Amino acid sequence: MPSGRAGGSRLARFVGLAAYEARGGAVRRNLFAEDGGDDGVYLDGPVLLQVLATEKLRALAEEVCAEGWAWVACVTEGDGLALRCYGQASQQRRAMTPEEEAALVDGGRVRPTG
């Protein structure tokens, strides 16, 4: 079995093969790998892949924080046990916003605002 992270892995798809190669990441392709496909493609820089994923997550986290969220955690690997420390918010009913009501009336289509 070839070493390295498969090009079709979740982390590799999130980062993108082009971004990985642009930062100097080494890529090996199987003889039978199809052009543009992930099968038979292996990324040889797992540390670089983690760095790129973390950078991309942090950029997305800044956007989310700008929306007013108090904190955002950026992790590339996790498990259910780790998530348990955050607890679970209880569900509550709320009134629909005018935008949600309009979307419901329009058959689920969201009207552009502005």
Protein backbone atom coordinates (compact mmCIF):
# COMPACT_ATOMS: atom_id res chain seq x y z
CA MET A 1 0.00 0.00 0.00
CA PRO A 2 1.38 3.43 -0.89
CA SER A 3 2.41 5.73 1.93
CA GLY A 4 1.04 9.25 2.27
CA ARG A 5 -2.43 10.67 2.57
CA ALA A 6 -4.86 9.65 -0.16
CA GLY A 7 -5.89 12.50 -2.44
CA GLY A 8 -9.53 11.62 -1.83
CA SER A 9 -9.32 11.89 1.96
CA ARG A 10 -11.54 14.46 3.67
CA LEU A 11 -8.57 16.59 4.68
CA ALA A 12 -7.06 16.53 1.18
CA ARG A 13 -10.40 17.44 -0.42
CA PHE A 14 -10.87 20.29 2.09
CA VAL A 15 -7.43 21.77 1.35
CA GLY A 16 -7.54 21.07 -2.37
CA LEU A 17 -4.86 19.43 -4.45
CA ALA A 18 -4.03 22.68 -6.28
CA ALA A 19 -3.45 24.59 -3.02
CA TYR A 20 -1.33 21.74 -1.67
CA GLU A 21 0.85 21.61 -4.78
CA ALA A 22 1.10 25.43 -4.92
CA ARG A 23 2.74 25.38 -1.47
CA GLY A 24 5.29 22.82 -2.64
CA GLY A 25 3.55 19.64 -1.52
CA ALA A 26 4.84 16.46 -3.10
CA VAL A 27 2.23 14.39 -4.93
CA ARG A 28 2.56 10.87 -6.30
CA ARG A 29 0.14 9.54 -8.85
CA ASN A 30 -0.62 5.92 -9.55
CA LEU A 31 0.04 4.78 -13.12
CA PHE A 32 -3.71 4.30 -13.55
CA ALA A 33 -4.81 7.53 -11.86
CA GLU A 34 -7.30 9.46 -13.96
CA ASP A 35 -6.64 13.11 -14.74
CA GLY A 36 -8.59 15.31 -12.34
CA GLY A 37 -9.57 12.39 -10.12
CA ASP A 38 -8.54 11.64 -6.56
CA ASP A 39 -8.11 7.88 -6.96
CA GLY A 40 -4.48 6.85 -7.15
CA VAL A 41 -3.22 10.23 -5.90
CA TYR A 42 -1.14 10.38 -2.71
CA LEU A 43 0.06 13.47 -0.83
CA ASP A 44 3.48 12.89 0.74
CA GLY A 45 3.49 15.86 3.13
CA PRO A 46 1.09 15.12 6.00
CA VAL A 47 2.48 18.00 8.07
CA LEU A 48 2.02 20.48 5.21
CA LEU A 49 -1.50 19.16 4.68
CA GLN A 50 -2.31 19.76 8.37
CA VAL A 51 -0.83 23.27 8.21
CA LEU A 52 -2.85 24.18 5.13
CA ALA A 53 -6.04 22.80 6.64
CA THR A 54 -5.47 24.74 9.86
CA GLU A 55 -4.77 27.94 7.92
CA LYS A 56 -7.96 27.50 5.91
CA LEU A 57 -9.98 26.76 9.05
CA ARG A 58 -8.58 29.82 10.82
CA ALA A 59 -9.54 32.04 7.88
CA LEU A 60 -13.07 30.63 8.01
CA ALA A 61 -13.10 31.08 11.80
CA GLU A 62 -12.32 34.78 11.39
CA GLU A 63 -15.38 35.14 9.13
CA VAL A 64 -17.55 33.38 11.70
CA CYS A 65 -16.20 35.51 14.55
CA ALA A 66 -16.97 38.62 12.48
CA GLU A 67 -20.61 37.48 12.49
CA GLY A 68 -20.58 37.90 16.27
CA TRP A 69 -19.82 34.43 17.59
CA ALA A 70 -17.88 34.49 20.86
CA TRP A 71 -15.38 31.74 19.97
CA VAL A 72 -14.60 29.21 17.30
CA ALA A 73 -12.47 26.08 17.70
CA CYS A 74 -10.43 24.90 14.71
CA VAL A 75 -9.67 21.18 14.75
CA THR A 76 -8.96 18.81 11.88
CA GLU A 77 -9.52 15.61 13.83
CA GLY A 78 -12.02 14.96 16.55
CA ASP A 79 -14.21 12.36 18.12
CA GLY A 80 -17.51 12.16 19.92
CA LEU A 81 -15.85 11.95 23.31
CA ALA A 82 -14.03 15.23 22.74
CA LEU A 83 -17.28 16.93 21.76
CA ARG A 84 -19.03 15.86 24.98
CA CYS A 85 -17.19 18.53 26.98
CA TYR A 86 -19.19 21.21 25.13
CA GLY A 87 -22.55 19.90 26.30
CA GLN A 88 -25.72 20.22 24.31
CA ALA A 89 -28.07 23.18 24.17
CA SER A 90 -31.72 22.43 24.79
CA GLN A 91 -34.06 22.94 21.88
CA GLN A 92 -36.50 25.81 22.04
CA ARG A 93 -39.21 27.01 19.72
CA ARG A 94 -38.86 30.47 18.29
CA ALA A 95 -40.80 32.68 15.93
CA MET A 96 -39.70 32.70 12.30
CA THR A 97 -37.91 35.77 11.02
CA PRO A 98 -39.56 37.76 8.21
CA GLU A 99 -36.94 36.38 5.79
CA GLU A 100 -37.78 32.79 6.81
CA GLU A 101 -41.50 33.44 6.39
CA ALA A 102 -40.92 34.97 2.95
CA ALA A 103 -38.81 31.98 1.92
CA LEU A 104 -41.55 29.63 3.08
CA VAL A 105 -44.17 31.54 1.10
CA ASP A 106 -41.91 31.53 -1.98
CA GLY A 107 -41.66 27.74 -1.89
CA GLY A 108 -38.33 27.64 -0.11
CA ARG A 109 -36.56 30.03 -2.47
CA VAL A 110 -34.61 32.74 -0.75
CA ARG A 111 -35.11 36.20 -2.19
CA PRO A 112 -32.05 38.39 -2.61
CA THR A 113 -31.84 41.17 -0.05
CA GLY A 114 -30.71 44.71 -0.56
